[in-house]
Protein backbone atom coordinates (compact mmCIF):
# COMPACT_ATOMS: atom_id res chain seq x y z
CA MET A 1 -72.13 226.36 -58.37
CA LYS A 2 -70.21 224.98 -55.37
CA LEU A 3 -72.52 223.80 -52.58
CA PRO A 4 -71.58 223.37 -48.85
CA ILE A 5 -70.95 219.76 -47.90
CA VAL A 6 -72.79 218.56 -44.86
CA ALA A 7 -70.50 217.38 -42.04
CA TYR A 8 -70.66 214.26 -39.90
CA GLY A 9 -73.45 214.58 -37.35
CA ASP A 10 -76.12 216.02 -39.57
CA PRO A 11 -79.29 213.87 -39.40
CA VAL A 12 -79.64 213.98 -43.28
CA LEU A 13 -76.63 211.67 -43.44
CA LYS A 14 -78.39 208.95 -41.41
CA LYS A 15 -81.73 209.02 -43.35
CA VAL A 16 -82.60 206.53 -46.11
CA ALA A 17 -83.11 208.82 -49.17
CA THR A 18 -86.27 208.94 -51.24
CA GLU A 19 -86.63 208.14 -54.95
CA ILE A 20 -86.29 210.91 -57.42
CA PRO A 21 -89.38 211.36 -59.68
CA LYS A 22 -88.97 211.82 -63.41
CA ASP A 23 -90.13 215.44 -63.13
CA TYR A 24 -87.65 216.39 -60.39
CA PRO A 25 -87.14 220.15 -60.73
CA ASN A 26 -83.78 221.41 -62.00
CA LEU A 27 -82.19 217.89 -62.03
CA GLN A 28 -79.50 218.78 -64.60
CA GLU A 29 -78.49 221.91 -62.66
CA LEU A 30 -78.31 219.87 -59.45
CA ILE A 31 -76.06 217.30 -61.17
CA ALA A 32 -73.83 220.00 -62.51
CA ASN A 33 -73.57 221.70 -59.06
CA MET A 34 -72.75 218.31 -57.45
CA PHE A 35 -69.81 217.80 -59.91
CA ASP A 36 -68.59 221.37 -59.19
CA THR A 37 -68.79 220.70 -55.47
CA MET A 38 -67.04 217.32 -55.74
CA TYR A 39 -64.21 218.56 -57.86
CA ASN A 40 -63.68 221.63 -55.63
CA ALA A 41 -63.26 219.26 -52.66
CA SER A 42 -61.03 216.88 -54.62
CA GLY A 43 -63.46 214.02 -54.23
CA VAL A 44 -64.16 211.04 -56.45
CA GLY A 45 -67.79 210.67 -55.47
CA LEU A 46 -70.59 212.73 -53.86
CA ALA A 47 -74.16 211.75 -52.83
CA ALA A 48 -77.10 214.09 -52.61
CA PRO A 49 -77.40 213.68 -48.82
CA GLN A 50 -73.93 215.09 -48.53
CA ILE A 51 -75.33 218.41 -49.82
CA GLY A 52 -78.30 218.21 -47.60
CA LEU A 53 -80.79 216.53 -50.07
CA SER A 54 -82.28 213.22 -49.01
CA VAL A 55 -82.83 211.89 -52.56
CA ARG A 56 -81.42 208.78 -54.25
CA LEU A 57 -78.70 210.43 -56.38
CA PHE A 58 -74.92 210.19 -56.43
CA ILE A 59 -72.17 210.99 -58.84
CA VAL A 60 -68.71 209.38 -59.44
CA ASP A 61 -65.69 210.39 -61.35
CA ILE A 62 -62.69 208.10 -61.06
CA THR A 63 -61.27 209.01 -64.47
CA ASP A 64 -57.74 207.79 -64.60
CA ARG A 65 -55.79 208.15 -67.88
CA ASP A 66 -53.26 205.53 -66.82
CA GLU A 67 -55.88 202.81 -66.17
CA PRO A 68 -57.62 201.54 -69.34
CA GLU A 69 -60.95 200.66 -67.57
CA TYR A 70 -61.20 204.12 -66.09
CA GLN A 71 -60.15 206.28 -69.02
CA ASP A 72 -63.40 208.19 -68.86
CA PHE A 73 -65.27 207.02 -65.79
CA LYS A 74 -67.64 209.83 -64.94
CA LYS A 75 -71.14 208.68 -64.09
CA VAL A 76 -74.47 209.81 -62.65
CA PHE A 77 -76.54 207.29 -60.61
CA ILE A 78 -80.29 208.12 -60.07
CA ASN A 79 -82.47 205.76 -58.09
CA PRO A 80 -79.88 203.03 -58.02
CA THR A 81 -80.48 199.62 -56.55
CA ILE A 82 -77.76 197.04 -55.69
CA ILE A 83 -78.86 193.85 -57.20
CA GLU A 84 -75.85 191.75 -56.06
CA GLU A 85 -72.48 192.15 -54.44
CA THR A 86 -69.96 189.38 -55.21
CA GLY A 87 -66.30 188.45 -55.04
CA GLU A 88 -63.78 188.53 -52.24
CA LEU A 89 -63.85 191.15 -49.43
CA TRP A 90 -60.87 193.55 -49.74
CA ASP A 91 -59.55 196.25 -47.53
CA PHE A 92 -59.11 199.73 -48.69
CA ASN A 93 -58.34 202.99 -46.89
CA GLU A 94 -61.43 205.11 -47.32
CA GLY A 95 -62.25 208.65 -46.58
CA CYS A 96 -65.30 210.83 -46.98
CA LEU A 97 -65.95 214.50 -47.86
CA SER A 98 -68.37 214.62 -45.01
CA ILE A 99 -65.80 213.27 -42.61
CA PRO A 100 -62.63 215.14 -43.58
CA ASP A 101 -59.24 214.12 -42.12
CA ILE A 102 -60.37 210.61 -41.09
CA ARG A 103 -59.44 207.54 -43.16
CA GLU A 104 -59.95 203.92 -42.24
CA ASP A 105 -59.55 200.55 -43.80
CA ILE A 106 -62.93 199.30 -44.84
CA LYS A 107 -63.82 195.83 -46.29
CA ARG A 108 -66.08 195.73 -49.31
CA LYS A 109 -66.93 193.16 -51.97
CA GLU A 110 -64.95 193.43 -55.20
CA ASN A 111 -68.04 193.54 -57.57
CA VAL A 112 -71.33 195.24 -57.51
CA PHE A 113 -74.26 194.61 -59.94
CA LEU A 114 -76.41 197.79 -60.11
CA SER A 115 -79.72 198.90 -61.61
CA TYR A 116 -79.83 202.69 -62.08
CA TYR A 117 -80.81 205.62 -64.25
CA ASP A 118 -78.29 207.97 -65.70
CA GLU A 119 -78.54 211.80 -66.08
CA ASN A 120 -80.87 211.33 -69.11
CA LEU A 121 -83.08 209.03 -67.16
CA THR A 122 -81.98 206.05 -69.29
CA HIS A 123 -82.12 202.83 -67.34
CA HIS A 124 -79.01 200.59 -66.98
CA GLU A 125 -78.12 197.34 -65.33
CA GLU A 126 -74.34 197.04 -65.03
CA MET A 127 -71.60 195.19 -63.24
CA PHE A 128 -68.80 197.29 -61.77
CA THR A 129 -65.54 195.84 -60.40
CA GLY A 130 -62.49 196.97 -58.37
CA MET A 131 -62.21 200.65 -57.61
CA ALA A 132 -65.44 201.60 -59.42
CA ALA A 133 -67.34 199.06 -57.37
CA ARG A 134 -65.79 200.40 -54.12
CA VAL A 135 -66.59 204.09 -54.87
CA ILE A 136 -70.18 203.06 -55.99
CA GLN A 137 -70.71 201.13 -52.79
CA HIS A 138 -69.47 203.95 -50.57
CA GLU A 139 -71.79 206.49 -52.27
CA TYR A 140 -74.68 203.99 -52.32
CA ASP A 141 -74.28 203.65 -48.50
CA HIS A 142 -74.84 207.44 -48.26
CA ILE A 143 -78.32 207.10 -49.91
CA GLU A 144 -79.07 204.23 -47.53
CA GLY A 145 -78.28 206.53 -44.52
CA LYS A 146 -74.90 204.76 -43.79
CA LEU A 147 -71.39 206.14 -43.43
CA PHE A 148 -68.09 204.33 -43.74
CA THR A 149 -67.59 204.85 -40.03
CA ASP A 150 -70.62 202.58 -39.38
CA LYS A 151 -68.56 199.70 -40.72
CA LEU A 152 -65.87 200.06 -38.09
CA GLY A 153 -65.76 197.96 -34.97
CA PRO A 154 -66.74 199.43 -31.58
CA LEU A 155 -63.05 199.97 -30.43
CA LYS A 156 -62.12 201.81 -33.61
CA ARG A 157 -65.25 203.95 -33.35
CA ALA A 158 -64.45 204.77 -29.77
CA MET A 159 -60.88 205.76 -30.74
CA ILE A 160 -62.13 208.27 -33.37
CA LYS A 161 -65.11 209.56 -31.45
CA SER A 162 -63.50 212.86 -30.32
CA ARG A 163 -62.38 213.53 -33.89
CA LEU A 164 -65.88 212.86 -35.23
CA ASP A 165 -67.32 215.27 -32.53
CA ALA A 166 -64.80 217.85 -33.55
CA ILE A 167 -65.94 217.53 -37.22
CA SER A 168 -69.52 217.96 -36.31
CA ARG A 169 -68.67 221.15 -34.28
CA GLY A 170 -66.60 222.53 -37.16
CA ALA A 171 -63.42 222.38 -35.09
CA ILE A 172 -61.46 221.43 -38.14
CA LYS A 173 -59.84 223.13 -41.17
CA VAL A 174 -60.91 222.07 -44.67
CA GLY A 175 -60.33 223.53 -48.06
CA TYR A 176 -63.96 223.54 -49.13
CA LYS A 177 -67.27 224.91 -47.88
CA MET A 178 -68.96 222.80 -45.25
CA LYS A 179 -72.13 222.99 -43.09
CA PHE A 180 -71.48 221.77 -39.55
CA PRO A 181 -74.53 220.60 -37.55
CA ASN A 182 -73.18 221.44 -34.14
CA ALA A 183 -71.07 224.47 -34.94
CA ASN A 184 -72.59 226.53 -32.17
CA LYS A 185 -72.40 223.79 -29.45
CA LYS A 186 -69.62 223.94 -26.83
CA ARG A 187 -67.59 220.87 -26.11
């Protein structure tokens, strides 16, 4: 089932998410719905806060048949913890399903070592590099109550403020269902 994606400005996107207990109700259904929602929006990652749930869960699918290391890279991350970020900082033009039509260059470390549980609640500790590390760090930020726009300098944030306000009011066109926190507020 495709769920609405919460737009910029909703308080759930700024909250640190809570851990998921082992007996979390309908977890497999939630995960399946998140993948449906992400694919419908043409995303490569989606965190639970983006569908209005402040829990420590995100999904990633950066499967790329042309890249050997990403031949089948579809993963679920439950209660993840970043143990270490290493390597050089590198810029990449990031976007976000909760902030449609805005993309900015963001610096992130090239490697991330993560502790997490998968969809079967099996524990893993794993190092991710390159694009996988970047997408994981972006989604991890969501469960920490951070957005990629928080990493921008004050001038850049000021330059996109009116566009961010328009998103929170729903004054944009997107090809997927969204929930706008300030849809009824006038400019």
